Amino acid sequence: MKKLAALILAAALTVGSAAAITPEEAFPAKNTYPGYADVAEGAWYADAAQVCYEVGLITGTDTGFSPDKVLTVGEVAAIAARMNEAITGDPIPMATPAAGETLPWYFSYVTYLEKLGIDVPDPEKGATRLELLTLMGGVVADDMLSPINTITALPDTDDATVLRFYNAGILTGVDAWGTFAPDKSLTRAETAALVARVARPELRESFTPADYTLFTAAYLKPSDVLFSNGTTAGQYLPYVQELIDGLEADCAAAGMAFNWFNTVDGMAFLDYVKDTALIHFGVTSKDGTDLYKNFDVQVYYSRYLDLKGNI
């Protein structure tokens, strides 16, 4: 019995080690890249488009690569199904319609994923970033996503699957703060970049999100529009904080405490910060949206200091 148990344990260990597969092993190059007329040399997604074609995960459309075309859930499901087939070796059965029956092109891919226990939304609607990550997360194992980043929080989600892809260097967000934008649609170029990073770890990106404390303190998001000319909180708040930091440094150099009623160039600090920011962005207070009109720089800075003190 002891000998039998040892053999069973050895077999289990062998199966476990065999199950581990590197991205390069799962996605070998098998196609010769022909190039696309609509993928300019040096385009930010050019390498990704090539990798995706070579490994057979994303190929072209009738008109080329179509980098700006928005993907549907069905197209994302096809990519996820191909990824699982490559990783596990479990082939995708191509369904044969009955006489007089017409099956949608994505039927086999969706059925394949659903048999794996992966829920696929309406295949004909435009796919969101969260839907892509959810489908990919269902087929890409942790051992293929070795972490290179240490991100524990994002501005707009704490989804564990999303954080897994961020920490693996697959995603860096839509702005410097790492905003995920889960409901944002996906172009073929964007999707190719993410898929290529799964297949080729050397394409993955180290990323440290910028400090989000500014926006938490202001009760704003970087994308919030503060002025009629389109100036956002993501542009406005860092500049305002830069002005305040400069005044703080001047006060420290002069051996005095920072106070909003101190003056610079004959102007109170409070007015200086407000007016200088307006001039910088080419607007007046009348151009401000309701979000700007409800923004109180003094309250913001007090809250900012409190938050920084708790970090």
C-alpha atoms as a PDB file:
ATOM      1  CA  MET A   1       0.000   0.000   0.000  1.00  0.00           C
ATOM      2  CA  LYS A   2       2.837   2.392   0.831  1.00  0.00           C
ATOM      3  CA  LYS A   3       4.426   1.646  -2.542  1.00  0.00           C
ATOM      4  CA  LEU A   4       1.091   2.242  -4.292  1.00  0.00           C
ATOM      5  CA  ALA A   5       0.613   5.552  -2.449  1.00  0.00           C
ATOM      6  CA  ALA A   6       4.101   6.662  -3.439  1.00  0.00           C
ATOM      7  CA  LEU A   7       3.368   5.847  -7.090  1.00  0.00           C
ATOM      8  CA  ILE A   8       0.083   7.779  -6.956  1.00  0.00           C
ATOM      9  CA  LEU A   9       1.835  10.768  -5.387  1.00  0.00           C
ATOM     10  CA  ALA A  10       4.584  10.654  -8.020  1.00  0.00           C
ATOM     11  CA  ALA A  11       1.995  10.512 -10.776  1.00  0.00           C
ATOM     12  CA  ALA A  12       0.124  13.455  -9.292  1.00  0.00           C
ATOM     13  CA  LEU A  13       3.304  15.494  -9.145  1.00  0.00           C
ATOM     14  CA  THR A  14       4.091  14.595 -12.743  1.00  0.00           C
ATOM     15  CA  VAL A  15       0.637  15.703 -13.886  1.00  0.00           C
ATOM     16  CA  GLY A  16       0.958  18.931 -11.906  1.00  0.00           C
ATOM     17  CA  SER A  17       4.302  19.798 -13.449  1.00  0.00           C
ATOM     18  CA  ALA A  18       3.066  18.891 -16.922  1.00  0.00           C
ATOM     19  CA  ALA A  19       0.105  21.232 -16.488  1.00  0.00           C
ATOM     20  CA  ALA A  20       2.427  24.212 -16.071  1.00  0.00           C
ATOM     21  CA  ILE A  21       3.120  25.789 -19.444  1.00  0.00           C
ATOM     22  CA  THR A  22       4.909  28.964 -20.387  1.00  0.00           C
ATOM     23  CA  PRO A  23       3.323  31.542 -22.693  1.00  0.00           C
ATOM     24  CA  GLU A  24       5.986  30.838 -25.332  1.00  0.00           C
ATOM     25  CA  GLU A  25       5.157  27.115 -25.217  1.00  0.00           C
ATOM     26  CA  ALA A  26       1.420  27.729 -25.373  1.00  0.00           C
ATOM     27  CA  PHE A  27       1.604  30.260 -28.201  1.00  0.00           C
ATOM     28  CA  PRO A  28       4.383  29.315 -30.630  1.00  0.00           C
ATOM     29  CA  ALA A  29       4.646  31.237 -33.882  1.00  0.00           C
ATOM     30  CA  LYS A  30       2.924  29.150 -36.554  1.00  0.00           C
ATOM     31  CA  ASN A  31       1.950  31.681 -39.226  1.00  0.00           C
ATOM     32  CA  THR A  32       4.118  33.894 -41.421  1.00  0.00           C
ATOM     33  CA  TYR A  33       3.141  37.516 -40.913  1.00  0.00           C
ATOM     34  CA  PRO A  34       2.168  39.089 -44.252  1.00  0.00           C
ATOM     35  CA  GLY A  35       1.991  42.670 -42.970  1.00  0.00           C
ATOM     36  CA  TYR A  36      -1.122  44.843 -43.196  1.00  0.00           C
ATOM     37  CA  ALA A  37      -1.563  47.868 -45.428  1.00  0.00           C
ATOM     38  CA  ASP A  38      -3.400  49.656 -42.614  1.00  0.00           C
ATOM     39  CA  VAL A  39      -0.705  49.015 -39.979  1.00  0.00           C
ATOM     40  CA  ALA A  40       1.962  51.663 -40.391  1.00  0.00           C
ATOM     41  CA  GLU A  41       5.537  50.725 -39.580  1.00  0.00           C
ATOM     42  CA  GLY A  42       6.256  52.048 -36.106  1.00  0.00           C
ATOM     43  CA  ALA A  43       2.570  52.234 -35.080  1.00  0.00           C
ATOM     44  CA  TRP A  44       2.227  51.638 -31.331  1.00  0.00           C
ATOM     45  CA  TYR A  45       0.293  48.414 -31.980  1.00  0.00           C
ATOM     46  CA  ALA A  46       2.382  47.131 -34.941  1.00  0.00           C
ATOM     47  CA  ASP A  47       4.379  44.562 -32.946  1.00  0.00           C
ATOM     48  CA  ALA A  48       1.230  43.357 -31.217  1.00  0.00           C
ATOM     49  CA  ALA A  49      -0.627  42.886 -34.519  1.00  0.00           C
ATOM     50  CA  GLN A  50       2.298  40.825 -35.820  1.00  0.00           C
ATOM     51  CA  VAL A  51       2.497  38.615 -32.720  1.00  0.00           C
ATOM     52  CA  CYS A  52      -1.255  37.992 -32.710  1.00  0.00           C
ATOM     53  CA  TYR A  53      -1.169  36.949 -36.368  1.00  0.00           C
ATOM     54  CA  GLU A  54       1.874  34.720 -35.955  1.00  0.00           C
ATOM     55  CA  VAL A  55       0.381  32.816 -33.026  1.00  0.00           C
ATOM     56  CA  GLY A  56      -3.074  32.620 -34.641  1.00  0.00           C
ATOM     57  CA  LEU A  57      -5.083  34.475 -31.996  1.00  0.00           C
ATOM     58  CA  ILE A  58      -6.130  37.538 -34.022  1.00  0.00           C
ATOM     59  CA  THR A  59      -5.966  37.642 -37.802  1.00  0.00           C
ATOM     60  CA  GLY A  60      -7.104  40.255 -40.266  1.00  0.00           C
ATOM     61  CA  THR A  61     -10.480  41.396 -41.569  1.00  0.00           C
ATOM     62  CA  ASP A  62     -11.633  41.706 -45.168  1.00  0.00           C
ATOM     63  CA  THR A  63     -10.006  45.135 -45.362  1.00  0.00           C
ATOM     64  CA  GLY A  64      -6.761  44.535 -43.445  1.00  0.00           C
ATOM     65  CA  PHE A  65      -6.094  44.647 -39.735  1.00  0.00           C
ATOM     66  CA  SER A  66      -8.743  47.344 -39.078  1.00  0.00           C
ATOM     67  CA  PRO A  67      -7.034  48.698 -35.938  1.00  0.00           C
ATOM     68  CA  ASP A  68      -9.857  51.111 -35.046  1.00  0.00           C
ATOM     69  CA  LYS A  69     -12.692  48.610 -35.427  1.00  0.00           C
ATOM     70  CA  VAL A  70     -14.553  47.985 -32.159  1.00  0.00           C
ATOM     71  CA  LEU A  71     -14.741  44.330 -31.161  1.00  0.00           C
ATOM     72  CA  THR A  72     -17.929  42.469 -30.330  1.00  0.00           C
ATOM     73  CA  VAL A  73     -18.320  40.009 -27.468  1.00  0.00           C
ATOM     74  CA  GLY A  74     -18.420  37.221 -30.068  1.00  0.00           C
ATOM     75  CA  GLU A  75     -15.003  38.257 -31.397  1.00  0.00           C
ATOM     76  CA  VAL A  76     -13.579  38.444 -27.884  1.00  0.00           C
ATOM     77  CA  ALA A  77     -15.063  35.002 -27.129  1.00  0.00           C
ATOM     78  CA  ALA A  78     -13.311  33.602 -30.216  1.00  0.00           C
ATOM     79  CA  ILE A  79      -9.973  34.961 -28.975  1.00  0.00           C
ATOM     80  CA  ALA A  80     -10.495  33.515 -25.489  1.00  0.00           C
ATOM     81  CA  ALA A  81     -11.505  30.141 -26.922  1.00  0.00           C
ATOM     82  CA  ARG A  82      -8.396  30.024 -29.131  1.00  0.00           C
ATOM     83  CA  MET A  83      -6.261  30.908 -26.137  1.00  0.00           C
ATOM     84  CA  ASN A  84      -7.723  28.063 -24.095  1.00  0.00           C
ATOM     85  CA  GLU A  85      -7.260  25.630 -26.977  1.00  0.00           C
ATOM     86  CA  ALA A  86      -3.598  26.640 -27.258  1.00  0.00           C
ATOM     87  CA  ILE A  87      -2.974  26.445 -23.504  1.00  0.00           C
ATOM     88  CA  THR A  88      -4.783  23.180 -22.776  1.00  0.00           C
ATOM     89  CA  GLY A  89      -4.712  21.364 -26.114  1.00  0.00           C
ATOM     90  CA  ASP A  90      -8.473  20.896 -25.812  1.00  0.00           C
ATOM     91  CA  PRO A  91      -9.732  21.489 -29.382  1.00  0.00           C
ATOM     92  CA  ILE A  92     -12.671  23.710 -30.239  1.00  0.00           C
ATOM     93  CA  PRO A  93     -15.368  21.485 -31.800  1.00  0.00           C
ATOM     94  CA  MET A  94     -16.778  23.245 -34.843  1.00  0.00           C
ATOM     95  CA  ALA A  95     -20.543  22.803 -34.759  1.00  0.00           C
ATOM     96  CA  THR A  96     -22.278  21.446 -37.864  1.00  0.00           C
ATOM     97  CA  PRO A  97     -25.707  22.990 -38.456  1.00  0.00           C
ATOM     98  CA  ALA A  98     -28.658  20.728 -39.125  1.00  0.00           C
ATOM     99  CA  ALA A  99     -30.271  20.756 -42.537  1.00  0.00           C
ATOM    100  CA  GLY A 100     -31.785  24.189 -43.158  1.00  0.00           C
ATOM    101  CA  GLU A 101     -30.228  25.587 -39.966  1.00  0.00           C
ATOM    102  CA  THR A 102     -27.915  28.583 -39.881  1.00  0.00           C
ATOM    103  CA  LEU A 103     -25.617  29.014 -36.918  1.00  0.00           C
ATOM    104  CA  PRO A 104     -23.949  32.338 -36.111  1.00  0.00           C
ATOM    105  CA  TRP A 105     -20.193  32.327 -36.820  1.00  0.00           C
ATOM    106  CA  TYR A 106     -19.396  32.616 -33.102  1.00  0.00           C
ATOM    107  CA  PHE A 107     -21.594  29.692 -31.998  1.00  0.00           C
ATOM    108  CA  SER A 108     -18.790  27.148 -31.600  1.00  0.00           C
ATOM    109  CA  TYR A 109     -16.556  29.540 -29.645  1.00  0.00           C
ATOM    110  CA  VAL A 110     -19.300  30.616 -27.258  1.00  0.00           C
ATOM    111  CA  THR A 111     -20.451  27.024 -26.711  1.00  0.00           C
ATOM    112  CA  TYR A 112     -16.859  25.953 -26.035  1.00  0.00           C
ATOM    113  CA  LEU A 113     -16.387  28.626 -23.353  1.00  0.00           C
ATOM    114  CA  GLU A 114     -19.756  27.979 -21.746  1.00  0.00           C
ATOM    115  CA  LYS A 115     -18.890  24.287 -21.411  1.00  0.00           C
ATOM    116  CA  LEU A 116     -15.884  25.474 -19.404  1.00  0.00           C
ATOM    117  CA  GLY A 117     -18.276  27.275 -17.064  1.00  0.00           C
ATOM    118  CA  ILE A 118     -17.516  30.721 -18.508  1.00  0.00           C
ATOM    119  CA  ASP A 119     -20.566  32.927 -18.959  1.00  0.00           C
ATOM    120  CA  VAL A 120     -20.551  34.812 -22.273  1.00  0.00           C
ATOM    121  CA  PRO A 121     -22.762  37.931 -22.618  1.00  0.00           C
ATOM    122  CA  ASP A 122     -24.670  38.797 -25.794  1.00  0.00           C
ATOM    123  CA  PRO A 123     -22.122  37.901 -28.507  1.00  0.00           C
ATOM    124  CA  GLU A 124     -23.370  40.538 -30.940  1.00  0.00           C
ATOM    125  CA  LYS A 125     -22.970  43.576 -28.717  1.00  0.00           C
ATOM    126  CA  GLY A 126     -19.814  45.628 -28.454  1.00  0.00           C
ATOM    127  CA  ALA A 127     -17.367  44.193 -25.930  1.00  0.00           C
ATOM    128  CA  THR A 128     -16.185  46.147 -22.914  1.00  0.00           C
ATOM    129  CA  ARG A 129     -12.757  46.062 -21.320  1.00  0.00           C
ATOM    130  CA  LEU A 130     -14.182  44.199 -18.327  1.00  0.00           C
ATOM    131  CA  GLU A 131     -15.792  41.566 -20.554  1.00  0.00           C
ATOM    132  CA  LEU A 132     -12.489  40.952 -22.337  1.00  0.00           C
ATOM    133  CA  LEU A 133     -10.644  40.586 -19.035  1.00  0.00           C
ATOM    134  CA  THR A 134     -13.348  38.317 -17.617  1.00  0.00           C
ATOM    135  CA  LEU A 135     -13.220  35.966 -20.599  1.00  0.00           C
ATOM    136  CA  MET A 136      -9.422  35.977 -20.763  1.00  0.00           C
ATOM    137  CA  GLY A 137      -9.214  35.551 -16.999  1.00  0.00           C
ATOM    138  CA  GLY A 138     -11.290  32.404 -17.293  1.00  0.00           C
ATOM    139  CA  VAL A 139      -8.734  30.695 -19.539  1.00  0.00           C
ATOM    140  CA  VAL A 140      -5.322  32.148 -18.624  1.00  0.00           C
ATOM    141  CA  ALA A 141      -3.895  30.516 -15.495  1.00  0.00           C
ATOM    142  CA  ASP A 142      -2.013  32.370 -12.768  1.00  0.00           C
ATOM    143  CA  ASP A 143       1.273  30.660 -13.635  1.00  0.00           C
ATOM    144  CA  MET A 144       1.176  32.368 -17.038  1.00  0.00           C
ATOM    145  CA  LEU A 145       0.766  35.771 -15.412  1.00  0.00           C
ATOM    146  CA  SER A 146       3.841  36.162 -13.249  1.00  0.00           C
ATOM    147  CA  PRO A 147       3.543  39.515 -11.442  1.00  0.00           C
ATOM    148  CA  ILE A 148       5.982  42.288 -12.312  1.00  0.00           C
ATOM    149  CA  ASN A 149       3.967  45.077 -10.643  1.00  0.00           C
ATOM    150  CA  THR A 150       2.575  45.471  -7.123  1.00  0.00           C
ATOM    151  CA  ILE A 151      -0.723  47.265  -7.604  1.00  0.00           C
ATOM    152  CA  THR A 152      -3.231  46.781  -4.800  1.00  0.00           C
ATOM    153  CA  ALA A 153      -5.878  49.353  -5.747  1.00  0.00           C
ATOM    154  CA  LEU A 154      -7.182  51.163  -8.817  1.00  0.00           C
ATOM    155  CA  PRO A 155      -9.334  54.298  -9.051  1.00  0.00           C
ATOM    156  CA  ASP A 156     -12.403  52.535 -10.410  1.00  0.00           C
ATOM    157  CA  THR A 157     -12.243  48.837  -9.570  1.00  0.00           C
ATOM    158  CA  ASP A 158     -10.954  46.328  -7.050  1.00  0.00           C
ATOM    159  CA  ASP A 159     -11.782  43.310  -9.234  1.00  0.00           C
ATOM    160  CA  ALA A 160      -9.241  40.574  -8.494  1.00  0.00           C
ATOM    161  CA  THR A 161      -9.056  39.416 -12.114  1.00  0.00           C
ATOM    162  CA  VAL A 162      -8.370  42.941 -13.327  1.00  0.00           C
ATOM    163  CA  LEU A 163      -5.633  43.439 -10.723  1.00  0.00           C
ATOM    164  CA  ARG A 164      -4.084  40.128 -11.786  1.00  0.00           C
ATOM    165  CA  PHE A 165      -3.648  41.419 -15.345  1.00  0.00           C
ATOM    166  CA  TYR A 166      -2.342  44.789 -14.162  1.00  0.00           C
ATOM    167  CA  ASN A 167       0.246  43.149 -11.951  1.00  0.00           C
ATOM    168  CA  ALA A 168       1.333  40.883 -14.787  1.00  0.00           C
ATOM    169  CA  GLY A 169       1.999  43.942 -16.964  1.00  0.00           C
ATOM    170  CA  ILE A 170      -0.795  43.170 -19.410  1.00  0.00           C
ATOM    171  CA  LEU A 171      -2.749  46.340 -18.562  1.00  0.00           C
ATOM    172  CA  THR A 172      -1.649  49.826 -17.547  1.00  0.00           C
ATOM    173  CA  GLY A 173      -5.010  51.637 -17.617  1.00  0.00           C
ATOM    174  CA  VAL A 174      -6.283  54.529 -19.682  1.00  0.00           C
ATOM    175  CA  ASP A 175      -4.411  57.261 -17.796  1.00  0.00           C
ATOM    176  CA  ALA A 176      -1.452  57.851 -15.504  1.00  0.00           C
ATOM    177  CA  TRP A 177      -3.533  56.854 -12.466  1.00  0.00           C
ATOM    178  CA  GLY A 178      -4.274  53.410 -13.855  1.00  0.00           C
ATOM    179  CA  THR A 179      -8.000  53.952 -14.377  1.00  0.00           C
ATOM    180  CA  PHE A 180      -9.413  50.716 -15.786  1.00  0.00           C
ATOM    181  CA  ALA A 181     -12.573  52.117 -17.449  1.00  0.00           C
ATOM    182  CA  PRO A 182     -14.433  48.768 -17.317  1.00  0.00           C
ATOM    183  CA  ASP A 183     -17.291  49.878 -19.569  1.00  0.00           C
ATOM    184  CA  LYS A 184     -15.066  51.361 -22.289  1.00  0.00           C
ATOM    185  CA  SER A 185     -15.201  49.611 -25.666  1.00  0.00           C
ATOM    186  CA  LEU A 186     -12.202  47.898 -27.236  1.00  0.00           C
ATOM    187  CA  THR A 187     -10.583  48.418 -30.614  1.00  0.00           C
ATOM    188  CA  ARG A 188      -8.728  45.661 -32.421  1.00  0.00           C
ATOM    189  CA  ALA A 189      -5.455  47.525 -31.824  1.00  0.00           C
ATOM    190  CA  GLU A 190      -6.059  47.739 -28.067  1.00  0.00           C
ATOM    191  CA  THR A 191      -7.098  44.106 -27.870  1.00  0.00           C
ATOM    192  CA  ALA A 192      -4.083  42.972 -29.880  1.00  0.00           C
ATOM    193  CA  ALA A 193      -1.793  44.774 -27.425  1.00  0.00           C
ATOM    194  CA  LEU A 194      -3.301  42.932 -24.456  1.00  0.00           C
ATOM    195  CA  VAL A 195      -3.341  39.542 -26.171  1.00  0.00           C
ATOM    196  CA  ALA A 196       0.238  39.918 -27.413  1.00  0.00           C
ATOM    197  CA  ARG A 197       1.428  40.693 -23.880  1.00  0.00           C
ATOM    198  CA  VAL A 198      -0.116  37.444 -22.675  1.00  0.00           C
ATOM    199  CA  ALA A 199       1.627  35.492 -25.440  1.00  0.00           C
ATOM    200  CA  ARG A 200       4.971  37.312 -25.225  1.00  0.00           C
ATOM    201  CA  PRO A 201       6.089  38.293 -21.688  1.00  0.00           C
ATOM    202  CA  GLU A 202       8.851  40.539 -23.066  1.00  0.00           C
ATOM    203  CA  LEU A 203       6.122  42.913 -24.263  1.00  0.00           C
ATOM    204  CA  ARG A 204       4.662  43.324 -20.766  1.00  0.00           C
ATOM    205  CA  GLU A 205       4.973  46.705 -19.079  1.00  0.00           C
ATOM    206  CA  SER A 206       6.089  47.708 -15.608  1.00  0.00           C
ATOM    207  CA  PHE A 207       3.693  50.270 -14.216  1.00  0.00           C
ATOM    208  CA  THR A 208       3.259  52.283 -11.046  1.00  0.00           C
ATOM    209  CA  PRO A 209       0.026  54.322 -10.910  1.00  0.00           C
ATOM    210  CA  ALA A 210       0.397  58.037 -10.199  1.00  0.00           C
ATOM    211  CA  ASP A 211      -0.751  59.242  -6.778  1.00  0.00           C
ATOM    212  CA  TYR A 212      -4.557  59.363  -6.777  1.00  0.00           C
ATOM    213  CA  THR A 213      -4.846  61.288  -3.514  1.00  0.00           C
ATOM    214  CA  LEU A 214      -5.575  64.535  -5.395  1.00  0.00           C
ATOM    215  CA  PHE A 215      -8.807  63.180  -6.796  1.00  0.00           C
ATOM    216  CA  THR A 216      -9.912  61.434  -3.630  1.00  0.00           C
ATOM    217  CA  ALA A 217      -9.463  64.727  -1.776  1.00  0.00           C
ATOM    218  CA  ALA A 218     -11.401  66.670  -4.423  1.00  0.00           C
ATOM    219  CA  TYR A 219     -14.200  64.083  -4.807  1.00  0.00           C
ATOM    220  CA  LEU A 220     -13.442  64.096  -8.530  1.00  0.00           C
ATOM    221  CA  LYS A 221     -12.323  61.630 -11.196  1.00  0.00           C
ATOM    222  CA  PRO A 222      -9.519  62.470 -13.668  1.00  0.00           C
ATOM    223  CA  SER A 223     -12.015  62.347 -16.536  1.00  0.00           C
ATOM    224  CA  ASP A 224     -14.422  64.856 -14.959  1.00  0.00           C
ATOM    225  CA  VAL A 225     -14.750  67.950 -17.152  1.00  0.00           C
ATOM    226  CA  LEU A 226     -14.345  71.202 -15.208  1.00  0.00           C
ATOM    227  CA  PHE A 227     -14.490  73.807 -17.981  1.00  0.00           C
ATOM    228  CA  SER A 228     -16.370  74.328 -21.224  1.00  0.00           C
ATOM    229  CA  ASN A 229     -13.138  74.063 -23.233  1.00  0.00           C
ATOM    230  CA  GLY A 230     -12.807  70.432 -22.120  1.00  0.00           C
ATOM    231  CA  THR A 231     -10.214  70.871 -19.382  1.00  0.00           C
ATOM    232  CA  THR A 232     -10.508  67.891 -17.046  1.00  0.00           C
ATOM    233  CA  ALA A 233      -9.762  67.314 -13.398  1.00  0.00           C
ATOM    234  CA  GLY A 234      -6.858  65.169 -14.566  1.00  0.00           C
ATOM    235  CA  GLN A 235      -5.290  68.302 -16.056  1.00  0.00           C
ATOM    236  CA  TYR A 236      -6.468  70.894 -13.558  1.00  0.00           C
ATOM    237  CA  LEU A 237      -5.797  69.318 -10.162  1.00  0.00           C
ATOM    238  CA  PRO A 238      -2.116  68.388 -10.677  1.00  0.00           C
ATOM    239  CA  TYR A 239      -1.438  71.974 -11.834  1.00  0.00           C
ATOM    240  CA  VAL A 240      -3.269  73.459  -8.843  1.00  0.00           C
ATOM    241  CA  GLN A 241      -1.331  71.177  -6.514  1.00  0.00           C
ATOM    242  CA  GLU A 242       1.921  72.219  -8.200  1.00  0.00           C
ATOM    243  CA  LEU A 243       1.087  75.876  -7.465  1.00  0.00           C
ATOM    244  CA  ILE A 244       0.279  75.074  -3.843  1.00  0.00           C
ATOM    245  CA  ASP A 245       3.470  73.043  -3.440  1.00  0.00           C
ATOM    246  CA  GLY A 246       5.459  76.005  -4.751  1.00  0.00           C
ATOM    247  CA  LEU A 247       3.867  78.353  -2.240  1.00  0.00           C
ATOM    248  CA  GLU A 248       4.471  75.857   0.564  1.00  0.00           C
ATOM    249  CA  ALA A 249       8.145  75.669  -0.421  1.00  0.00           C
ATOM    250  CA  ASP A 250       8.431  79.488  -0.488  1.00  0.00           C
ATOM    251  CA  CYS A 251       6.916  79.720   2.977  1.00  0.00           C
ATOM    252  CA  ALA A 252       9.262  77.066   4.335  1.00  0.00           C
ATOM    253  CA  ALA A 253      12.272  78.877   2.842  1.00  0.00           C
ATOM    254  CA  ALA A 254      11.143  82.114   4.503  1.00  0.00           C
ATOM    255  CA  GLY A 255      10.608  80.356   7.845  1.00  0.00           C
ATOM    256  CA  MET A 256       6.877  81.075   7.915  1.00  0.00           C
ATOM    257  CA  ALA A 257       3.743  78.968   8.062  1.00  0.00           C
ATOM    258  CA  PHE A 258       1.594  78.477   4.976  1.00  0.00           C
ATOM    259  CA  ASN A 259      -1.615  80.485   5.149  1.00  0.00           C
ATOM    260  CA  TRP A 260      -4.155  81.109   2.416  1.00  0.00           C
ATOM    261  CA  PHE A 261      -4.161  84.810   3.322  1.00  0.00           C
ATOM    262  CA  ASN A 262      -0.401  85.188   2.830  1.00  0.00           C
ATOM    263  CA  THR A 263       0.383  87.193  -0.284  1.00  0.00           C
ATOM    264  CA  VAL A 264       2.471  86.719  -3.408  1.00  0.00           C
ATOM    265  CA  ASP A 265       2.919  89.576  -5.877  1.00  0.00           C
ATOM    266  CA  GLY A 266       0.384  91.524  -3.817  1.00  0.00           C
ATOM    267  CA  MET A 267      -2.255  88.782  -4.171  1.00  0.00           C
ATOM    268  CA  ALA A 268      -3.558  86.433  -1.475  1.00  0.00           C
ATOM    269  CA  PHE A 269      -2.434  82.830  -1.953  1.00  0.00           C
ATOM    270  CA  LEU A 270      -6.026  81.710  -2.477  1.00  0.00           C
ATOM    271  CA  ASP A 271      -6.644  84.200  -5.287  1.00  0.00           C
ATOM    272  CA  TYR A 272      -3.207  83.532  -6.752  1.00  0.00           C
ATOM    273  CA  VAL A 273      -3.864  79.788  -7.068  1.00  0.00           C
ATOM    274  CA  LYS A 274      -7.338  80.249  -8.538  1.00  0.00           C
ATOM    275  CA  ASP A 275      -6.402  83.003 -11.007  1.00  0.00           C
ATOM    276  CA  THR A 276      -3.114  81.483 -12.123  1.00  0.00           C
ATOM    277  CA  ALA A 277      -4.820  78.167 -12.862  1.00  0.00           C
ATOM    278  CA  LEU A 278      -7.576  79.878 -14.866  1.00  0.00           C
ATOM    279  CA  ILE A 279      -5.039  81.799 -16.926  1.00  0.00           C
ATOM    280  CA  HIS A 280      -2.957  78.658 -17.493  1.00  0.00           C
ATOM    281  CA  PHE A 281      -5.927  76.794 -18.958  1.00  0.00           C
ATOM    282  CA  GLY A 282      -7.225  79.781 -20.908  1.00  0.00           C
ATOM    283  CA  VAL A 283     -10.571  80.005 -19.122  1.00  0.00           C
ATOM    284  CA  THR A 284     -12.490  82.203 -16.693  1.00  0.00           C
ATOM    285  CA  SER A 285     -14.618  81.129 -13.752  1.00  0.00           C
ATOM    286  CA  LYS A 286     -17.688  81.673 -15.950  1.00  0.00           C
ATOM    287  CA  ASP A 287     -16.473  78.835 -18.154  1.00  0.00           C
ATOM    288  CA  GLY A 288     -16.573  76.420 -15.233  1.00  0.00           C
ATOM    289  CA  THR A 289     -18.979  73.502 -15.114  1.00  0.00           C
ATOM    290  CA  ASP A 290     -21.012  72.740 -12.001  1.00  0.00           C
ATOM    291  CA  LEU A 291     -18.199  70.453 -10.867  1.00  0.00           C
ATOM    292  CA  TYR A 292     -15.776  73.379 -10.945  1.00  0.00           C
ATOM    293  CA  LYS A 293     -18.228  75.723  -9.232  1.00  0.00           C
ATOM    294  CA  ASN A 294     -18.649  73.202  -6.418  1.00  0.00           C
ATOM    295  CA  PHE A 295     -14.891  72.756  -6.024  1.00  0.00           C
ATOM    296  CA  ASP A 296     -13.434  74.550  -2.998  1.00  0.00           C
ATOM    297  CA  VAL A 297      -9.644  74.666  -3.169  1.00  0.00           C
ATOM    298  CA  GLN A 298      -9.260  75.270   0.572  1.00  0.00           C
ATOM    299  CA  VAL A 299     -11.456  72.313   1.505  1.00  0.00           C
ATOM    300  CA  TYR A 300      -9.653  70.222  -1.101  1.00  0.00           C
ATOM    301  CA  TYR A 301      -6.199  71.029   0.269  1.00  0.00           C
ATOM    302  CA  SER A 302      -7.199  70.427   3.868  1.00  0.00           C
ATOM    303  CA  ARG A 303      -8.581  67.025   2.937  1.00  0.00           C
ATOM    304  CA  TYR A 304      -5.508  66.330   0.785  1.00  0.00           C
ATOM    305  CA  LEU A 305      -3.215  66.943   3.768  1.00  0.00           C
ATOM    306  CA  ASP A 306      -5.350  64.719   5.987  1.00  0.00           C
ATOM    307  CA  LEU A 307      -5.217  61.888   3.425  1.00  0.00           C
ATOM    308  CA  LYS A 308      -1.487  62.224   2.877  1.00  0.00           C
ATOM    309  CA  GLY A 309      -0.994  62.109   6.622  1.00  0.00           C
ATOM    310  CA  ASN A 310      -2.778  58.757   6.724  1.00  0.00           C
ATOM    311  CA  ILE A 311      -0.693  57.138   3.994  1.00  0.00           C
END
